[in-house]
Amino acid sequence: MADTTYTVSGMTCDHCARSVEAEIRALGGVTGVTVELTTGAVTVRGAGDLSVADVRGAVEEAGYRLT
């Protein structure tokens, strides 16, 4: 299992963080997601290889931007 931390811009409230978390959790192979709203840090724990493109797509689906 590997943890990877990304930075997401545009999140301003708990609803934002929950939306990003839900979209990323829906990706295959994701076993955990932690969102730090104040810094924009999103840590994704995965059981396999999770591409940056997949995470970016999930974040954009939620309405935010991976930076």
Protein backbone atom coordinates (compact mmCIF):
# COMPACT_ATOMS: atom_id res chain seq x y z
CA MET A 1 0.00 0.00 0.00
CA ALA A 2 1.30 3.44 -0.87
CA ASP A 3 0.29 6.91 0.27
CA THR A 4 0.53 9.79 -2.17
CA THR A 5 -0.20 13.40 -1.26
CA TYR A 6 -1.57 15.90 -3.76
CA THR A 7 -2.54 19.55 -3.45
CA VAL A 8 -6.05 20.58 -4.47
CA SER A 9 -7.01 24.21 -4.97
CA GLY A 10 -10.43 25.76 -4.61
CA MET A 11 -11.71 23.90 -1.54
CA THR A 12 -13.16 26.36 0.97
CA CYS A 13 -15.48 24.33 3.23
CA ASP A 14 -16.21 20.88 4.61
CA HIS A 15 -18.64 20.21 1.76
CA CYS A 16 -15.82 20.84 -0.72
CA ALA A 17 -13.54 18.42 1.11
CA ARG A 18 -16.24 15.74 1.27
CA SER A 19 -16.93 16.09 -2.46
CA VAL A 20 -13.26 15.63 -3.34
CA GLU A 21 -12.97 12.71 -0.94
CA ALA A 22 -16.04 10.96 -2.37
CA GLU A 23 -14.87 11.28 -5.98
CA ILE A 24 -11.40 9.94 -5.18
CA ARG A 25 -12.77 7.08 -3.03
CA ALA A 26 -14.81 5.96 -6.05
CA LEU A 27 -11.61 5.18 -7.98
CA GLY A 28 -10.61 1.54 -8.15
CA GLY A 29 -7.78 0.60 -5.81
CA VAL A 30 -8.27 3.49 -3.37
CA THR A 31 -8.36 2.28 0.23
CA GLY A 32 -8.33 5.64 2.01
CA VAL A 33 -8.47 9.40 1.51
CA THR A 34 -7.55 12.16 3.95
CA VAL A 35 -8.33 15.78 3.12
CA GLU A 36 -6.70 18.68 5.00
CA LEU A 37 -8.94 21.60 4.13
CA THR A 38 -6.67 24.37 5.46
CA THR A 39 -3.69 23.35 3.31
CA GLY A 40 -5.45 21.68 0.40
CA ALA A 41 -3.42 18.51 1.00
CA VAL A 42 -5.16 15.33 -0.09
CA THR A 43 -3.50 12.06 0.84
CA VAL A 44 -4.63 9.01 -1.09
CA ARG A 45 -3.88 5.48 0.06
CA GLY A 46 -4.02 2.91 -2.69
CA ALA A 47 -3.62 -0.82 -3.03
CA GLY A 48 -2.18 -0.59 -6.53
CA ASP A 49 -0.87 1.85 -9.08
CA LEU A 50 -3.13 4.87 -9.13
CA SER A 51 -2.34 7.30 -11.93
CA VAL A 52 -2.15 11.04 -11.42
CA ALA A 53 -4.52 11.38 -14.38
CA ASP A 54 -7.17 9.32 -12.56
CA VAL A 55 -6.84 11.41 -9.40
CA ARG A 56 -6.89 14.63 -11.44
CA GLY A 57 -10.07 13.48 -13.21
CA ALA A 58 -11.77 12.69 -9.90
CA VAL A 59 -10.79 16.07 -8.43
CA GLU A 60 -12.02 17.88 -11.53
CA GLU A 61 -15.27 15.89 -11.45
CA ALA A 62 -15.79 17.30 -7.95
CA GLY A 63 -15.24 20.80 -9.35
CA TYR A 64 -11.71 21.52 -8.12
CA ARG A 65 -8.18 21.56 -9.49
CA LEU A 66 -5.18 19.37 -8.74
CA THR A 67 -2.11 21.63 -8.53
